[in-house]
N, C-alpha and C. Protein backbone atom coordinates (compact mmCIF):
# COMPACT_ATOMS: atom_id res chain seq x y z
N MET A 1 110.28 85.24 108.76
CA MET A 1 111.69 84.83 108.77
C MET A 1 112.28 85.02 107.35
N SER A 2 113.51 85.48 107.30
CA SER A 2 114.19 85.70 106.01
C SER A 2 115.47 84.88 105.93
N GLU A 3 115.82 84.46 104.71
CA GLU A 3 117.05 83.76 104.48
C GLU A 3 117.63 84.27 103.14
N ILE A 4 118.93 84.55 103.19
CA ILE A 4 119.67 84.93 102.00
C ILE A 4 120.70 83.86 101.72
N LYS A 5 120.65 83.25 100.54
CA LYS A 5 121.66 82.30 100.12
C LYS A 5 122.45 82.85 98.96
N ILE A 6 123.75 83.02 99.18
CA ILE A 6 124.62 83.52 98.14
C ILE A 6 125.51 82.33 97.69
N GLU A 7 125.48 82.05 96.41
CA GLU A 7 126.20 80.89 95.87
C GLU A 7 127.13 81.32 94.72
N GLY A 8 128.42 81.15 94.88
CA GLY A 8 129.41 81.32 93.81
C GLY A 8 129.34 82.67 93.13
N LEU A 9 129.18 83.72 93.92
CA LEU A 9 128.96 85.06 93.33
C LEU A 9 130.29 85.64 92.82
N CYS A 10 130.28 86.02 91.53
CA CYS A 10 131.48 86.59 90.89
C CYS A 10 131.11 87.86 90.11
N LYS A 11 132.00 88.85 90.16
CA LYS A 11 131.78 90.06 89.41
C LYS A 11 133.10 90.68 89.05
N LYS A 12 133.24 91.07 87.76
CA LYS A 12 134.38 91.82 87.29
C LYS A 12 133.93 93.19 86.77
N ILE A 13 134.68 94.18 87.04
CA ILE A 13 134.40 95.53 86.50
C ILE A 13 135.68 96.06 85.85
N LYS A 14 135.61 96.31 84.58
CA LYS A 14 136.74 96.78 83.77
C LYS A 14 137.96 95.82 83.95
N GLY A 15 137.65 94.57 83.96
CA GLY A 15 138.67 93.56 84.04
C GLY A 15 139.16 93.22 85.40
N ALA A 16 138.79 94.02 86.43
CA ALA A 16 139.22 93.80 87.79
C ALA A 16 138.21 92.91 88.50
N VAL A 17 138.71 91.93 89.27
CA VAL A 17 137.86 91.03 90.01
C VAL A 17 137.34 91.79 91.23
N ILE A 18 136.03 91.92 91.37
CA ILE A 18 135.43 92.65 92.50
C ILE A 18 134.86 91.66 93.51
N LEU A 19 134.18 90.62 93.00
CA LEU A 19 133.65 89.55 93.85
C LEU A 19 134.15 88.23 93.27
N ASP A 20 134.70 87.39 94.14
CA ASP A 20 135.42 86.18 93.65
C ASP A 20 134.88 84.93 94.32
N HIS A 21 133.80 84.34 93.70
CA HIS A 21 133.22 83.09 94.16
C HIS A 21 132.83 83.15 95.66
N ILE A 22 131.98 84.15 95.97
CA ILE A 22 131.52 84.28 97.34
C ILE A 22 130.29 83.44 97.57
N SER A 23 130.28 82.69 98.65
CA SER A 23 129.15 81.89 99.08
C SER A 23 128.93 82.06 100.56
N MET A 24 127.67 82.22 100.97
CA MET A 24 127.32 82.30 102.40
C MET A 24 125.81 82.22 102.53
N THR A 25 125.37 81.88 103.71
CA THR A 25 123.95 81.81 104.02
C THR A 25 123.71 82.70 105.25
N LEU A 26 122.74 83.61 105.12
CA LEU A 26 122.41 84.53 106.18
C LEU A 26 120.96 84.31 106.57
N THR A 27 120.69 84.30 107.88
CA THR A 27 119.31 84.05 108.34
C THR A 27 118.86 85.18 109.27
N SER A 28 117.56 85.32 109.39
CA SER A 28 117.00 86.42 110.20
C SER A 28 117.28 86.22 111.68
N GLY A 29 117.18 87.30 112.42
CA GLY A 29 117.45 87.24 113.82
C GLY A 29 118.91 87.43 114.19
N LYS A 30 119.72 87.87 113.20
CA LYS A 30 121.13 88.12 113.45
C LYS A 30 121.61 89.38 112.74
N ILE A 31 122.65 89.97 113.31
CA ILE A 31 123.34 91.09 112.67
C ILE A 31 124.66 90.54 112.12
N TYR A 32 124.82 90.63 110.80
CA TYR A 32 126.03 90.15 110.14
C TYR A 32 126.93 91.38 109.79
N GLY A 33 128.20 91.26 110.17
CA GLY A 33 129.14 92.31 109.85
C GLY A 33 130.05 91.85 108.71
N PHE A 34 130.27 92.81 107.77
CA PHE A 34 131.23 92.61 106.69
C PHE A 34 132.44 93.46 107.04
N LYS A 35 133.58 92.84 107.24
CA LYS A 35 134.81 93.54 107.58
C LYS A 35 135.75 93.50 106.39
N GLY A 36 136.38 94.67 106.14
CA GLY A 36 137.34 94.73 105.06
C GLY A 36 137.80 96.14 104.77
N LYS A 37 138.96 96.25 104.19
CA LYS A 37 139.49 97.56 103.84
C LYS A 37 138.70 98.14 102.68
N ASN A 38 138.89 99.44 102.42
CA ASN A 38 138.30 100.05 101.24
C ASN A 38 138.75 99.29 100.00
N GLY A 39 137.81 98.95 99.14
CA GLY A 39 138.16 98.21 97.93
C GLY A 39 138.18 96.72 98.09
N SER A 40 137.85 96.22 99.27
CA SER A 40 137.87 94.78 99.53
C SER A 40 136.76 94.05 98.87
N GLY A 41 135.67 94.75 98.54
CA GLY A 41 134.50 94.10 97.93
C GLY A 41 133.26 94.08 98.77
N LYS A 42 133.37 94.56 100.02
CA LYS A 42 132.22 94.43 100.91
C LYS A 42 131.04 95.27 100.44
N THR A 43 131.31 96.50 99.95
CA THR A 43 130.19 97.33 99.47
C THR A 43 129.58 96.73 98.22
N MET A 44 130.39 96.18 97.33
CA MET A 44 129.85 95.53 96.12
C MET A 44 129.02 94.33 96.48
N LEU A 45 129.40 93.61 97.50
CA LEU A 45 128.61 92.46 97.93
C LEU A 45 127.27 92.93 98.45
N MET A 46 127.25 94.03 99.22
CA MET A 46 125.98 94.57 99.70
C MET A 46 125.13 95.05 98.53
N ARG A 47 125.74 95.62 97.54
CA ARG A 47 124.96 96.01 96.36
C ARG A 47 124.35 94.83 95.63
N ALA A 48 125.12 93.75 95.60
CA ALA A 48 124.61 92.52 94.93
C ALA A 48 123.40 91.96 95.70
N VAL A 49 123.51 91.94 97.03
CA VAL A 49 122.42 91.46 97.85
C VAL A 49 121.19 92.36 97.74
N SER A 50 121.41 93.63 97.51
CA SER A 50 120.32 94.61 97.37
C SER A 50 119.68 94.57 95.99
N GLY A 51 120.29 93.86 95.05
CA GLY A 51 119.77 93.84 93.70
C GLY A 51 120.29 94.98 92.86
N LEU A 52 121.23 95.76 93.36
CA LEU A 52 121.74 96.92 92.66
C LEU A 52 122.94 96.58 91.77
N LEU A 53 123.44 95.35 91.89
CA LEU A 53 124.58 94.89 91.11
C LEU A 53 124.22 93.52 90.56
N ILE A 54 124.31 93.37 89.26
CA ILE A 54 124.06 92.08 88.61
C ILE A 54 125.35 91.28 88.47
N PRO A 55 125.46 90.12 89.10
CA PRO A 55 126.70 89.36 89.05
C PRO A 55 126.97 88.74 87.67
N ASP A 56 128.23 88.49 87.42
CA ASP A 56 128.60 87.76 86.18
C ASP A 56 128.29 86.25 86.33
N GLU A 57 128.51 85.76 87.54
CA GLU A 57 128.25 84.36 87.85
C GLU A 57 127.66 84.27 89.23
N GLY A 58 126.95 83.16 89.50
CA GLY A 58 126.45 82.90 90.83
C GLY A 58 125.03 83.49 91.06
N THR A 59 124.50 83.23 92.21
CA THR A 59 123.12 83.67 92.48
C THR A 59 123.00 84.24 93.92
N VAL A 60 121.99 85.12 94.04
CA VAL A 60 121.56 85.56 95.34
C VAL A 60 120.07 85.16 95.46
N VAL A 61 119.79 84.28 96.38
CA VAL A 61 118.42 83.75 96.55
C VAL A 61 117.89 84.25 97.90
N ILE A 62 116.75 84.94 97.83
CA ILE A 62 116.13 85.50 99.03
C ILE A 62 114.78 84.86 99.22
N ASN A 63 114.68 84.10 100.33
CA ASN A 63 113.41 83.39 100.63
C ASN A 63 112.96 82.56 99.44
N GLY A 64 113.91 81.89 98.84
CA GLY A 64 113.59 80.99 97.72
C GLY A 64 113.43 81.63 96.38
N LYS A 65 113.56 82.96 96.30
CA LYS A 65 113.42 83.66 95.03
C LYS A 65 114.78 84.23 94.62
N THR A 66 115.14 83.98 93.36
CA THR A 66 116.44 84.40 92.83
C THR A 66 116.39 85.86 92.30
N LEU A 67 117.30 86.65 92.78
CA LEU A 67 117.38 88.03 92.28
C LEU A 67 117.64 88.05 90.78
N HIS A 68 117.00 88.95 90.07
CA HIS A 68 117.17 89.14 88.61
C HIS A 68 116.62 88.03 87.78
N LYS A 69 115.96 87.07 88.46
CA LYS A 69 115.23 85.98 87.75
C LYS A 69 113.78 85.97 88.21
N ASP A 70 113.57 85.74 89.49
CA ASP A 70 112.24 85.69 90.02
C ASP A 70 111.78 87.09 90.50
N ILE A 71 112.70 87.88 91.04
CA ILE A 71 112.41 89.20 91.55
C ILE A 71 113.54 90.17 91.18
N PRO A 72 113.21 91.42 90.89
CA PRO A 72 114.31 92.37 90.55
C PRO A 72 115.10 92.87 91.79
N PHE A 73 114.41 92.97 92.88
CA PHE A 73 114.98 93.44 94.15
C PHE A 73 114.36 92.65 95.30
N PRO A 74 115.04 92.62 96.45
CA PRO A 74 114.39 92.00 97.60
C PRO A 74 113.06 92.68 97.91
N GLU A 75 112.12 91.88 98.36
CA GLU A 75 110.74 92.39 98.50
C GLU A 75 110.53 93.27 99.72
N SER A 76 111.38 93.13 100.73
CA SER A 76 111.26 93.97 101.96
C SER A 76 112.66 94.29 102.42
N ILE A 77 113.16 95.48 102.08
CA ILE A 77 114.56 95.81 102.37
C ILE A 77 114.69 97.34 102.60
N GLY A 78 115.58 97.64 103.51
CA GLY A 78 115.98 99.04 103.76
C GLY A 78 117.49 99.14 103.57
N ILE A 79 117.96 100.19 102.90
CA ILE A 79 119.40 100.24 102.47
C ILE A 79 119.96 101.62 102.80
N LEU A 80 121.19 101.55 103.33
CA LEU A 80 122.07 102.70 103.38
C LEU A 80 123.42 102.26 102.86
N ILE A 81 123.75 102.58 101.64
CA ILE A 81 125.01 102.20 101.01
C ILE A 81 125.78 103.43 100.63
N GLU A 82 127.01 103.51 101.15
CA GLU A 82 127.88 104.68 100.93
C GLU A 82 127.24 105.93 101.54
N ASN A 83 127.54 107.10 101.01
CA ASN A 83 127.10 108.34 101.66
C ASN A 83 125.61 108.60 101.46
N PRO A 84 124.91 108.98 102.53
CA PRO A 84 123.49 109.31 102.40
C PRO A 84 123.30 110.42 101.40
N SER A 85 122.30 110.24 100.52
CA SER A 85 122.02 111.24 99.46
C SER A 85 120.56 111.53 99.41
N PHE A 86 120.16 112.77 99.70
CA PHE A 86 118.80 113.16 99.72
C PHE A 86 118.66 114.49 98.98
N LEU A 87 117.40 114.90 98.73
CA LEU A 87 117.15 116.17 98.04
C LEU A 87 117.44 117.32 99.02
N SER A 88 118.40 118.17 98.63
CA SER A 88 118.96 119.16 99.54
C SER A 88 117.96 120.24 99.97
N GLN A 89 116.91 120.50 99.16
CA GLN A 89 116.01 121.58 99.44
C GLN A 89 114.83 121.18 100.34
N TYR A 90 114.79 119.89 100.75
CA TYR A 90 113.67 119.45 101.54
C TYR A 90 114.12 119.04 102.95
N THR A 91 113.20 119.02 103.89
CA THR A 91 113.49 118.61 105.24
C THR A 91 113.70 117.12 105.27
N GLY A 92 114.23 116.60 106.41
CA GLY A 92 114.43 115.18 106.55
C GLY A 92 113.09 114.43 106.45
N TYR A 93 112.07 114.93 107.10
CA TYR A 93 110.77 114.29 107.07
C TYR A 93 110.23 114.19 105.64
N LYS A 94 110.31 115.32 104.90
CA LYS A 94 109.76 115.33 103.55
C LYS A 94 110.52 114.38 102.65
N ASN A 95 111.86 114.30 102.81
CA ASN A 95 112.65 113.36 102.06
C ASN A 95 112.15 111.94 102.28
N LEU A 96 111.96 111.57 103.56
CA LEU A 96 111.52 110.20 103.85
C LEU A 96 110.08 110.00 103.37
N LYS A 97 109.26 111.01 103.44
CA LYS A 97 107.89 110.91 102.99
C LYS A 97 107.83 110.61 101.48
N MET A 98 108.65 111.27 100.73
CA MET A 98 108.70 111.02 99.31
C MET A 98 109.19 109.60 98.98
N LEU A 99 110.24 109.17 99.72
CA LEU A 99 110.74 107.83 99.49
C LEU A 99 109.74 106.77 99.90
N SER A 100 109.01 107.01 100.97
CA SER A 100 108.06 106.03 101.42
C SER A 100 106.89 105.90 100.43
N SER A 101 106.62 106.91 99.67
CA SER A 101 105.53 106.87 98.69
C SER A 101 105.80 105.90 97.55
N LEU A 102 107.06 105.52 97.40
CA LEU A 102 107.42 104.59 96.32
C LEU A 102 106.83 103.24 96.54
N THR A 103 106.66 102.80 97.80
CA THR A 103 106.12 101.49 98.11
C THR A 103 104.67 101.59 98.60
N GLY A 104 104.33 102.69 99.24
CA GLY A 104 102.99 102.82 99.75
C GLY A 104 102.71 101.97 100.99
N GLN A 105 103.76 101.43 101.56
CA GLN A 105 103.63 100.51 102.70
C GLN A 105 104.07 101.09 104.00
N ILE A 106 104.53 102.35 104.00
CA ILE A 106 105.12 102.95 105.20
C ILE A 106 104.23 104.16 105.55
N THR A 107 103.78 104.19 106.81
CA THR A 107 102.90 105.26 107.26
C THR A 107 103.65 106.49 107.72
N ASP A 108 102.91 107.58 107.89
CA ASP A 108 103.51 108.78 108.43
C ASP A 108 104.08 108.53 109.84
N GLU A 109 103.36 107.71 110.60
CA GLU A 109 103.82 107.37 111.97
C GLU A 109 105.14 106.55 111.91
N ASP A 110 105.26 105.68 110.90
CA ASP A 110 106.49 104.92 110.72
C ASP A 110 107.67 105.89 110.50
N ILE A 111 107.44 106.89 109.68
CA ILE A 111 108.49 107.90 109.38
C ILE A 111 108.89 108.65 110.60
N LYS A 112 107.90 109.16 111.32
CA LYS A 112 108.17 109.95 112.55
C LYS A 112 108.90 109.09 113.57
N LEU A 113 108.49 107.82 113.76
CA LEU A 113 109.13 106.95 114.70
C LEU A 113 110.60 106.72 114.33
N ALA A 114 110.87 106.48 113.06
CA ALA A 114 112.24 106.25 112.59
C ALA A 114 113.11 107.45 112.89
N LEU A 115 112.58 108.62 112.63
CA LEU A 115 113.38 109.85 112.90
C LEU A 115 113.67 110.04 114.37
N ILE A 116 112.65 109.83 115.18
CA ILE A 116 112.82 109.96 116.62
C ILE A 116 113.81 108.94 117.16
N ARG A 117 113.73 107.74 116.66
CA ARG A 117 114.61 106.67 117.16
C ARG A 117 116.06 107.01 116.98
N VAL A 118 116.39 107.60 115.85
CA VAL A 118 117.82 107.91 115.54
C VAL A 118 118.26 109.24 116.15
N GLY A 119 117.32 109.95 116.75
CA GLY A 119 117.69 111.22 117.38
C GLY A 119 117.41 112.44 116.54
N LEU A 120 116.50 112.38 115.57
CA LEU A 120 116.15 113.53 114.77
C LEU A 120 114.72 113.95 115.12
N ASP A 121 114.40 115.22 114.92
CA ASP A 121 113.08 115.77 115.24
C ASP A 121 112.28 115.79 113.92
N PRO A 122 111.16 115.06 113.88
CA PRO A 122 110.36 115.04 112.64
C PRO A 122 109.80 116.41 112.26
N SER A 123 109.70 117.34 113.21
CA SER A 123 109.13 118.68 112.92
C SER A 123 110.22 119.69 112.64
N ASP A 124 111.48 119.28 112.57
CA ASP A 124 112.60 120.16 112.29
C ASP A 124 112.46 120.75 110.89
N LYS A 125 112.46 122.05 110.76
CA LYS A 125 112.21 122.73 109.50
C LYS A 125 113.48 122.94 108.65
N ARG A 126 114.63 122.58 109.24
CA ARG A 126 115.85 122.70 108.49
C ARG A 126 115.85 121.77 107.26
N VAL A 127 116.35 122.27 106.16
CA VAL A 127 116.44 121.39 104.98
C VAL A 127 117.71 120.60 105.00
N PHE A 128 117.79 119.55 104.20
CA PHE A 128 118.90 118.61 104.26
C PHE A 128 120.23 119.25 104.09
N ARG A 129 120.35 120.25 103.25
CA ARG A 129 121.65 120.85 102.97
C ARG A 129 122.23 121.57 104.21
N LYS A 130 121.33 121.87 105.18
CA LYS A 130 121.79 122.52 106.40
C LYS A 130 122.08 121.54 107.55
N TYR A 131 121.93 120.22 107.23
CA TYR A 131 122.19 119.22 108.25
C TYR A 131 123.71 119.07 108.43
N SER A 132 124.07 118.75 109.69
CA SER A 132 125.45 118.39 109.95
C SER A 132 125.75 117.01 109.38
N LEU A 133 127.00 116.64 109.33
CA LEU A 133 127.39 115.30 108.79
C LEU A 133 126.70 114.18 109.59
N GLY A 134 126.70 114.35 110.92
CA GLY A 134 126.03 113.35 111.74
C GLY A 134 124.53 113.25 111.55
N MET A 135 123.88 114.38 111.35
CA MET A 135 122.47 114.40 111.09
C MET A 135 122.17 113.71 109.73
N LYS A 136 123.03 113.95 108.74
CA LYS A 136 122.81 113.27 107.44
C LYS A 136 122.90 111.77 107.60
N GLU A 137 123.90 111.32 108.37
CA GLU A 137 124.07 109.89 108.63
C GLU A 137 122.81 109.31 109.31
N LYS A 138 122.36 110.03 110.31
CA LYS A 138 121.16 109.55 111.05
C LYS A 138 119.95 109.48 110.11
N LEU A 139 119.80 110.44 109.20
CA LEU A 139 118.67 110.41 108.27
C LEU A 139 118.79 109.21 107.36
N GLY A 140 120.01 108.89 106.93
CA GLY A 140 120.20 107.70 106.10
C GLY A 140 119.84 106.45 106.83
N ILE A 141 120.17 106.33 108.11
CA ILE A 141 119.80 105.19 108.92
C ILE A 141 118.27 105.16 109.11
N ALA A 142 117.65 106.30 109.40
CA ALA A 142 116.21 106.37 109.55
C ALA A 142 115.51 105.87 108.27
N ASN A 143 116.01 106.24 107.13
CA ASN A 143 115.46 105.82 105.85
C ASN A 143 115.49 104.28 105.73
N ALA A 144 116.61 103.68 106.21
CA ALA A 144 116.76 102.22 106.08
C ALA A 144 115.89 101.44 107.04
N ILE A 145 115.63 102.04 108.22
CA ILE A 145 114.90 101.26 109.23
C ILE A 145 113.42 101.56 109.28
N MET A 146 112.95 102.62 108.58
CA MET A 146 111.56 103.00 108.73
C MET A 146 110.65 101.90 108.19
N GLY A 147 109.68 101.59 109.03
CA GLY A 147 108.79 100.45 108.72
C GLY A 147 109.38 99.12 109.06
N GLU A 148 110.61 99.09 109.54
CA GLU A 148 111.30 97.83 109.93
C GLU A 148 111.16 96.73 108.86
N PRO A 149 111.79 96.92 107.71
CA PRO A 149 111.75 95.90 106.66
C PRO A 149 112.45 94.59 107.14
N ASP A 150 112.19 93.55 106.43
CA ASP A 150 112.73 92.22 106.81
C ASP A 150 114.26 92.18 106.71
N ILE A 151 114.85 92.90 105.77
CA ILE A 151 116.26 92.95 105.58
C ILE A 151 116.74 94.41 105.66
N ILE A 152 117.75 94.67 106.42
CA ILE A 152 118.33 96.03 106.54
C ILE A 152 119.81 95.96 106.22
N ILE A 153 120.30 96.78 105.33
CA ILE A 153 121.68 96.81 104.93
C ILE A 153 122.26 98.19 105.16
N LEU A 154 123.31 98.25 105.95
CA LEU A 154 123.91 99.52 106.35
C LEU A 154 125.40 99.49 106.06
N ASP A 155 125.88 100.40 105.22
CA ASP A 155 127.30 100.46 104.82
C ASP A 155 127.93 101.62 105.58
N GLU A 156 128.85 101.26 106.48
CA GLU A 156 129.55 102.25 107.31
C GLU A 156 128.55 103.22 107.96
N PRO A 157 127.63 102.71 108.76
CA PRO A 157 126.54 103.59 109.25
C PRO A 157 126.93 104.49 110.44
N ILE A 158 128.10 104.27 111.04
CA ILE A 158 128.38 105.02 112.28
C ILE A 158 129.62 105.90 112.16
N ASN A 159 130.13 106.08 110.94
CA ASN A 159 131.35 106.87 110.73
C ASN A 159 131.28 108.28 111.31
N ALA A 160 130.11 108.94 111.09
CA ALA A 160 130.02 110.35 111.45
C ALA A 160 129.28 110.57 112.81
N LEU A 161 129.11 109.51 113.57
CA LEU A 161 128.33 109.62 114.79
C LEU A 161 129.22 109.63 116.04
N ASP A 162 128.75 110.35 117.05
CA ASP A 162 129.48 110.37 118.30
C ASP A 162 129.17 109.09 119.10
N GLU A 163 129.84 108.91 120.21
CA GLU A 163 129.75 107.63 120.94
C GLU A 163 128.35 107.40 121.46
N GLU A 164 127.69 108.44 121.95
CA GLU A 164 126.31 108.26 122.41
C GLU A 164 125.36 107.84 121.31
N SER A 165 125.54 108.44 120.12
CA SER A 165 124.72 108.09 118.98
C SER A 165 124.97 106.67 118.52
N VAL A 166 126.24 106.27 118.55
CA VAL A 166 126.59 104.91 118.19
C VAL A 166 125.87 103.89 119.07
N ARG A 167 125.86 104.16 120.39
CA ARG A 167 125.17 103.25 121.30
C ARG A 167 123.69 103.24 121.04
N LYS A 168 123.12 104.40 120.72
CA LYS A 168 121.68 104.47 120.39
C LYS A 168 121.36 103.61 119.14
N ILE A 169 122.23 103.72 118.13
CA ILE A 169 122.00 102.96 116.92
C ILE A 169 122.13 101.47 117.19
N LYS A 170 123.10 101.08 118.01
CA LYS A 170 123.21 99.66 118.37
C LYS A 170 121.95 99.17 119.04
N ASP A 171 121.43 99.95 120.00
CA ASP A 171 120.21 99.56 120.69
C ASP A 171 119.06 99.36 119.71
N ILE A 172 118.97 100.29 118.75
CA ILE A 172 117.91 100.17 117.73
C ILE A 172 118.08 98.88 116.94
N LEU A 173 119.30 98.64 116.46
CA LEU A 173 119.54 97.48 115.66
C LEU A 173 119.28 96.16 116.43
N LEU A 174 119.67 96.12 117.69
CA LEU A 174 119.37 94.94 118.52
C LEU A 174 117.89 94.73 118.71
N GLU A 175 117.18 95.83 118.88
CA GLU A 175 115.72 95.76 119.04
C GLU A 175 115.09 95.20 117.76
N ILE A 176 115.52 95.68 116.61
CA ILE A 176 114.99 95.23 115.33
C ILE A 176 115.38 93.80 115.12
N ARG A 177 116.66 93.46 115.36
CA ARG A 177 117.12 92.07 115.21
C ARG A 177 116.28 91.10 116.01
N ASP A 178 115.96 91.47 117.27
CA ASP A 178 115.23 90.58 118.15
C ASP A 178 113.75 90.41 117.73
N LYS A 179 113.32 91.22 116.76
CA LYS A 179 112.00 91.02 116.17
C LYS A 179 112.05 90.05 114.97
N GLY A 180 113.25 89.50 114.75
CA GLY A 180 113.40 88.48 113.70
C GLY A 180 113.80 89.06 112.37
N LYS A 181 114.42 90.23 112.34
CA LYS A 181 114.88 90.81 111.11
C LYS A 181 116.34 90.38 110.84
N LEU A 182 116.76 90.54 109.57
CA LEU A 182 118.09 90.21 109.14
C LEU A 182 118.83 91.49 108.80
N ILE A 183 119.94 91.72 109.49
CA ILE A 183 120.67 92.99 109.35
C ILE A 183 122.07 92.72 108.88
N ILE A 184 122.54 93.47 107.88
CA ILE A 184 123.92 93.40 107.41
C ILE A 184 124.54 94.78 107.55
N ILE A 185 125.73 94.83 108.14
CA ILE A 185 126.43 96.12 108.21
C ILE A 185 127.86 95.91 107.75
N ALA A 186 128.43 96.96 107.21
CA ALA A 186 129.85 96.92 106.75
C ALA A 186 130.60 97.98 107.52
N CYS A 187 131.83 97.63 107.94
CA CYS A 187 132.68 98.56 108.66
C CYS A 187 134.12 98.07 108.56
N HIS A 188 135.07 98.97 108.38
CA HIS A 188 136.47 98.59 108.33
C HIS A 188 137.12 98.55 109.70
N ASP A 189 136.43 99.07 110.73
CA ASP A 189 136.97 99.16 112.06
C ASP A 189 136.54 97.90 112.88
N ARG A 190 137.49 97.12 113.35
CA ARG A 190 137.19 95.88 114.02
C ARG A 190 136.35 96.07 115.29
N GLU A 191 136.75 97.04 116.14
CA GLU A 191 136.05 97.20 117.42
C GLU A 191 134.61 97.64 117.19
N GLU A 192 134.42 98.57 116.28
CA GLU A 192 133.07 99.03 116.01
C GLU A 192 132.20 97.87 115.49
N LEU A 193 132.76 97.08 114.61
CA LEU A 193 132.04 96.00 113.99
C LEU A 193 131.70 94.90 115.02
N GLU A 194 132.64 94.59 115.89
CA GLU A 194 132.37 93.62 116.93
C GLU A 194 131.34 94.13 117.91
N PHE A 195 131.34 95.42 118.11
CA PHE A 195 130.37 96.03 119.01
C PHE A 195 128.93 95.84 118.50
N LEU A 196 128.79 95.76 117.16
CA LEU A 196 127.46 95.72 116.56
C LEU A 196 127.01 94.35 116.08
N SER A 197 127.94 93.42 115.85
CA SER A 197 127.64 92.23 115.07
C SER A 197 127.48 90.96 115.94
N ASP A 198 126.73 89.99 115.38
CA ASP A 198 126.67 88.64 115.92
C ASP A 198 127.64 87.75 115.19
N VAL A 199 127.80 87.95 113.90
CA VAL A 199 128.70 87.16 113.05
C VAL A 199 129.45 88.14 112.14
N ILE A 200 130.75 87.89 111.97
CA ILE A 200 131.56 88.76 111.12
C ILE A 200 132.17 87.94 109.99
N PHE A 201 131.98 88.39 108.77
CA PHE A 201 132.70 87.83 107.59
C PHE A 201 133.79 88.82 107.21
N GLU A 202 135.01 88.34 107.13
CA GLU A 202 136.11 89.20 106.71
C GLU A 202 136.31 88.98 105.19
N ILE A 203 136.38 90.06 104.48
CA ILE A 203 136.45 90.06 103.02
C ILE A 203 137.76 90.71 102.59
N GLN A 204 138.52 90.03 101.73
CA GLN A 204 139.77 90.54 101.18
C GLN A 204 139.79 90.23 99.68
N ASP A 205 140.05 91.22 98.88
CA ASP A 205 140.18 91.05 97.42
C ASP A 205 138.98 90.27 96.83
N GLY A 206 137.79 90.64 97.34
CA GLY A 206 136.59 90.05 96.80
C GLY A 206 136.28 88.64 97.23
N ARG A 207 137.04 88.14 98.24
CA ARG A 207 136.82 86.79 98.74
C ARG A 207 136.54 86.81 100.27
N VAL A 208 135.74 85.87 100.74
CA VAL A 208 135.55 85.71 102.15
C VAL A 208 136.67 84.90 102.68
N VAL A 209 137.44 85.46 103.60
CA VAL A 209 138.64 84.77 104.14
C VAL A 209 138.45 84.29 105.58
N ASP A 210 137.38 84.74 106.23
CA ASP A 210 137.20 84.32 107.60
C ASP A 210 135.75 84.56 108.02
N ARG A 211 135.23 83.71 108.89
CA ARG A 211 133.90 83.88 109.49
C ARG A 211 134.03 83.71 111.00
N LYS A 212 133.54 84.67 111.76
CA LYS A 212 133.72 84.62 113.20
C LYS A 212 132.43 84.91 113.92
N GLU A 213 132.03 84.03 114.84
CA GLU A 213 130.92 84.27 115.73
C GLU A 213 131.34 85.18 116.85
N ILE A 214 130.54 86.19 117.16
CA ILE A 214 130.88 87.17 118.20
C ILE A 214 130.06 86.86 119.45
N SER A 215 130.72 86.72 120.60
CA SER A 215 130.03 86.53 121.85
C SER A 215 130.24 87.76 122.69
N ASN A 216 129.50 87.88 123.81
CA ASN A 216 129.63 89.04 124.68
C ASN A 216 131.04 89.19 125.24
N GLU A 217 131.72 88.03 125.38
CA GLU A 217 133.07 88.03 125.93
C GLU A 217 134.08 88.65 124.98
N ASP A 218 133.72 88.71 123.68
CA ASP A 218 134.63 89.25 122.65
C ASP A 218 134.60 90.79 122.67
N ILE A 219 133.60 91.37 123.29
CA ILE A 219 133.39 92.84 123.19
C ILE A 219 133.92 93.53 124.41
């Protein structure tokens, strides 16, 4: 089980307020949606939770350990933030293989399964630069879910996907969620976000302005 406690999180960049006293508690077994326009702060909040952004004030505590004090990064996390970026001269499988070697905790079978789940062929010899936009997005999602880490963060994960692929990704996320994982996704489209989320936080100008529980009747 995982728990993320965010308390009084604040961040300014070049004098502009990016995160403004954000507090929330997230627990495993749910998909949390961050809703907001471009520049609202949702991506910066995801970066803060991932350990990629150091706040000016406030804390992010994951399973009782404070980021940048007790641990530099969450101990079990998969991330897709902004556009997927991989080495252009390598295949999707080789890119994931190299990334998995950083932790040594993900097997070759984990990589193959992640690729197959999102609709990519592990034996595809095409290199990343020859991938379509949708294939690049799928590879980014595969990277985030391989090995099924305790926390998965996906920033606009379905922008380049067709309707069938979106449904496949939702099925994957629901399956992972039901195994007790904690999933955070960001999307500016209300219908897409409600389609994917259990709880939605609306973010405006770096502040949380609304929290909504999503039921099947809402979709």
